[in-house]
Amino acid sequence: MTAFLFALLATFAAGFGARDQMLVGTLRDRLGQSGGLLVTGLGTALATALIAAWCGALIGSTMSNDASTMFVAIAMLVAAIECALPRRLISPDEPTRSLGAIGIVLFARQLTDAARFLVLAVAAAYASPEMAAFGGAVGGMAIVAIGWTLGRDGLDRLPLRTIRHFVAIFLFLVAVSTALSARGIIG
């Protein structure tokens, strides 16, 4: 259950205001609130969480407990950096109406983002990669659903920059604490 909750919260926090959520919001504003767009986004969130957890289980089987804990700390540090750095989000001028093309772009963005890297790390560190996949999928799906519900205009009204900076600071502090714990410096 710990893997589920940790993956859920980490994916949700790192995904708020991320590229995939903003893309879904932009496409929702331009193409309308279609059910196909929502299903595509939810499907890619599920698929990328499953892939990340599977890779994490493979990596975790080769690591000791301390190494997997340090891996989680590194993943949190990478996620903190991604959340802290400003990002340029280029909205497509003429978005395609092809759900296949939208799915490919969303899949690529989600597979390479900090949220899925955190799912990978949680699956590597805990003995329950299935629960990490489930938590990552639920968190990722919630992020996509929020982007689809609010649209880009609604997301732009939120203080996303402040939220992402807060998440970055939190992830950094937890990463430092986790790394110190893995090294035996704090208990």
Protein backbone atom coordinates (compact mmCIF):
# COMPACT_ATOMS: atom_id res chain seq x y z
CA MET A 1 0.00 0.00 0.00
CA THR A 2 2.94 2.32 0.66
CA ALA A 3 4.09 1.97 -2.95
CA PHE A 4 0.61 2.84 -4.20
CA LEU A 5 0.29 5.97 -2.07
CA PHE A 6 3.81 7.17 -2.72
CA ALA A 7 3.49 6.67 -6.49
CA LEU A 8 0.05 8.28 -6.54
CA LEU A 9 1.13 11.39 -4.63
CA ALA A 10 4.45 11.71 -6.44
CA THR A 11 2.86 11.37 -9.87
CA PHE A 12 0.11 13.82 -9.05
CA ALA A 13 2.46 16.41 -7.53
CA ALA A 14 5.09 16.20 -10.27
CA GLY A 15 2.44 16.11 -13.01
CA PHE A 16 0.53 19.21 -11.97
CA GLY A 17 1.19 21.84 -14.62
CA ALA A 18 3.46 19.46 -16.54
CA ARG A 19 3.73 19.27 -20.32
CA ASP A 20 1.20 16.48 -20.77
CA GLN A 21 -1.45 18.20 -18.67
CA MET A 22 -0.95 21.49 -20.52
CA LEU A 23 -1.12 19.73 -23.90
CA VAL A 24 -4.39 18.02 -22.99
CA GLY A 25 -5.75 21.37 -21.81
CA THR A 26 -4.68 23.10 -25.02
CA LEU A 27 -6.19 20.40 -27.22
CA ARG A 28 -9.39 20.44 -25.19
CA ASP A 29 -9.74 24.20 -25.77
CA ARG A 30 -9.06 23.90 -29.48
CA LEU A 31 -10.87 20.67 -30.29
CA GLY A 32 -13.65 20.70 -27.74
CA GLN A 33 -14.22 18.54 -24.71
CA SER A 34 -14.33 15.26 -26.63
CA GLY A 35 -14.51 11.94 -24.89
CA GLY A 36 -11.95 10.52 -27.33
CA LEU A 37 -9.32 13.00 -26.17
CA LEU A 38 -9.99 12.08 -22.53
CA VAL A 39 -9.84 8.34 -23.20
CA THR A 40 -6.60 8.78 -25.18
CA GLY A 41 -5.01 10.75 -22.34
CA LEU A 42 -6.16 8.27 -19.71
CA GLY A 43 -4.89 5.36 -21.82
CA THR A 44 -1.44 6.86 -22.27
CA ALA A 45 -1.24 7.64 -18.54
CA LEU A 46 -2.07 4.02 -17.75
CA ALA A 47 0.37 2.62 -20.33
CA THR A 48 3.29 4.82 -19.26
CA ALA A 49 2.75 4.02 -15.57
CA LEU A 50 2.76 0.29 -16.36
CA ILE A 51 5.95 0.59 -18.43
CA ALA A 52 7.68 2.69 -15.76
CA ALA A 53 6.76 0.23 -13.00
CA TRP A 54 7.85 -2.75 -15.08
CA CYS A 55 11.24 -1.13 -15.76
CA GLY A 56 11.50 -0.25 -12.07
CA ALA A 57 10.86 -3.86 -11.08
CA LEU A 58 13.64 -4.99 -13.43
CA ILE A 59 16.07 -2.42 -12.04
CA GLY A 60 15.01 -3.04 -8.44
CA SER A 61 15.76 -6.74 -8.68
CA THR A 62 19.44 -5.89 -9.22
CA MET A 63 19.77 -3.40 -6.33
CA SER A 64 20.29 -3.66 -2.61
CA ASN A 65 17.87 -1.89 -0.25
CA ASP A 66 20.24 1.04 0.28
CA ALA A 67 20.87 1.38 -3.45
CA SER A 68 17.17 1.37 -4.28
CA THR A 69 16.53 3.98 -1.58
CA MET A 70 19.30 6.14 -3.05
CA PHE A 71 17.71 5.64 -6.48
CA VAL A 72 14.44 7.04 -5.10
CA ALA A 73 16.35 10.05 -3.74
CA ILE A 74 17.95 10.65 -7.16
CA ALA A 75 14.55 10.37 -8.87
CA MET A 76 13.11 12.93 -6.47
CA LEU A 77 16.02 15.25 -7.11
CA VAL A 78 15.52 14.95 -10.89
CA ALA A 79 11.78 15.60 -10.44
CA ALA A 80 12.54 18.62 -8.26
CA ILE A 81 14.82 20.05 -10.95
CA GLU A 82 12.19 19.47 -13.64
CA CYS A 83 9.54 21.20 -11.52
CA ALA A 84 11.81 24.14 -10.71
CA LEU A 85 13.03 24.85 -14.22
CA PRO A 86 10.87 27.12 -16.36
CA ARG A 87 9.47 25.37 -19.37
CA ARG A 88 8.42 26.66 -22.73
CA LEU A 89 5.16 25.19 -23.79
CA ILE A 90 4.58 25.68 -27.47
CA SER A 91 0.96 25.24 -28.40
CA PRO A 92 0.42 23.56 -31.75
CA ASP A 93 -0.76 26.04 -34.39
CA GLU A 94 -2.99 23.57 -36.14
CA PRO A 95 -3.60 20.67 -33.79
CA THR A 96 -4.44 17.43 -35.42
CA ARG A 97 -7.75 15.79 -34.83
CA SER A 98 -6.13 12.37 -35.04
CA LEU A 99 -6.38 10.63 -31.68
CA GLY A 100 -3.56 8.32 -32.77
CA ALA A 101 -1.17 11.23 -33.30
CA ILE A 102 -2.29 12.87 -30.06
CA GLY A 103 -1.77 9.56 -28.26
CA ILE A 104 1.78 9.19 -29.61
CA VAL A 105 2.74 12.70 -28.51
CA LEU A 106 1.17 12.27 -25.07
CA PHE A 107 2.80 8.86 -24.66
CA ALA A 108 6.24 10.27 -25.49
CA ARG A 109 5.81 13.24 -23.15
CA GLN A 110 4.55 11.12 -20.29
CA LEU A 111 7.10 8.36 -20.68
CA THR A 112 9.97 10.84 -20.37
CA ASP A 113 8.65 13.06 -17.58
CA ALA A 114 9.57 13.24 -13.92
CA ALA A 115 6.31 11.69 -12.75
CA ARG A 116 6.97 8.40 -14.57
CA PHE A 117 10.60 8.44 -13.40
CA LEU A 118 9.27 8.61 -9.85
CA VAL A 119 7.00 5.63 -10.56
CA LEU A 120 10.05 3.75 -11.87
CA ALA A 121 11.98 4.58 -8.69
CA VAL A 122 9.10 3.59 -6.38
CA ALA A 123 8.72 0.28 -8.21
CA ALA A 124 12.47 -0.31 -7.87
CA ALA A 125 12.50 0.49 -4.16
CA TYR A 126 9.38 -1.33 -2.98
CA ALA A 127 8.53 -5.00 -3.29
CA SER A 128 5.24 -4.16 -4.93
CA PRO A 129 5.71 -2.79 -8.46
CA GLU A 130 2.07 -3.59 -9.22
CA MET A 131 0.94 -1.14 -6.56
CA ALA A 132 3.43 1.46 -7.82
CA ALA A 133 1.99 1.04 -11.32
CA PHE A 134 -1.55 1.38 -9.99
CA GLY A 135 -0.70 4.50 -7.98
CA GLY A 136 1.19 6.05 -10.89
CA ALA A 137 -1.69 5.29 -13.25
CA VAL A 138 -4.30 6.82 -10.93
CA GLY A 139 -2.15 9.93 -10.34
CA GLY A 140 -1.40 10.33 -14.05
CA MET A 141 -5.03 9.82 -15.00
CA ALA A 142 -6.11 12.44 -12.46
CA ILE A 143 -3.65 14.94 -13.94
CA VAL A 144 -4.95 14.28 -17.47
CA ALA A 145 -8.56 14.53 -16.30
CA ILE A 146 -7.89 17.88 -14.62
CA GLY A 147 -6.26 19.19 -17.80
CA TRP A 148 -9.21 17.97 -19.87
CA THR A 149 -11.77 19.40 -17.43
CA LEU A 150 -10.22 22.85 -16.98
CA GLY A 151 -8.68 23.31 -20.41
CA ARG A 152 -5.62 25.46 -21.00
CA ASP A 153 -7.47 28.66 -20.15
CA GLY A 154 -8.56 27.22 -16.80
CA LEU A 155 -5.08 25.90 -16.05
CA ASP A 156 -3.53 29.27 -16.90
CA ARG A 157 -5.72 30.90 -14.24
CA LEU A 158 -4.13 28.72 -11.56
CA PRO A 159 -0.81 29.71 -9.95
CA LEU A 160 0.98 26.79 -11.66
CA ARG A 161 4.45 28.34 -11.40
CA THR A 162 4.05 28.76 -7.63
CA ILE A 163 2.64 25.26 -7.26
CA ARG A 164 5.52 23.75 -9.25
CA HIS A 165 8.09 25.70 -7.21
CA PHE A 166 6.49 24.47 -3.98
CA VAL A 167 6.54 20.88 -5.29
CA ALA A 168 10.19 21.31 -6.33
CA ILE A 169 11.19 22.51 -2.86
CA PHE A 170 9.27 19.67 -1.22
CA LEU A 171 10.77 17.03 -3.52
CA PHE A 172 14.26 18.44 -2.95
CA LEU A 173 13.88 18.27 0.83
CA VAL A 174 12.49 14.74 0.71
CA ALA A 175 15.29 13.71 -1.69
CA VAL A 176 17.95 15.02 0.70
CA SER A 177 16.29 13.31 3.66
CA THR A 178 15.97 10.03 1.76
CA ALA A 179 19.60 10.16 0.61
CA LEU A 180 20.81 10.82 4.15
CA SER A 181 18.69 7.96 5.41
CA ALA A 182 20.06 5.61 2.73
CA ARG A 183 23.60 6.54 3.75
CA GLY A 184 22.79 5.90 7.42
CA ILE A 185 23.41 9.50 8.44
CA ILE A 186 19.89 9.97 9.79
CA GLY A 187 17.52 7.30 11.02
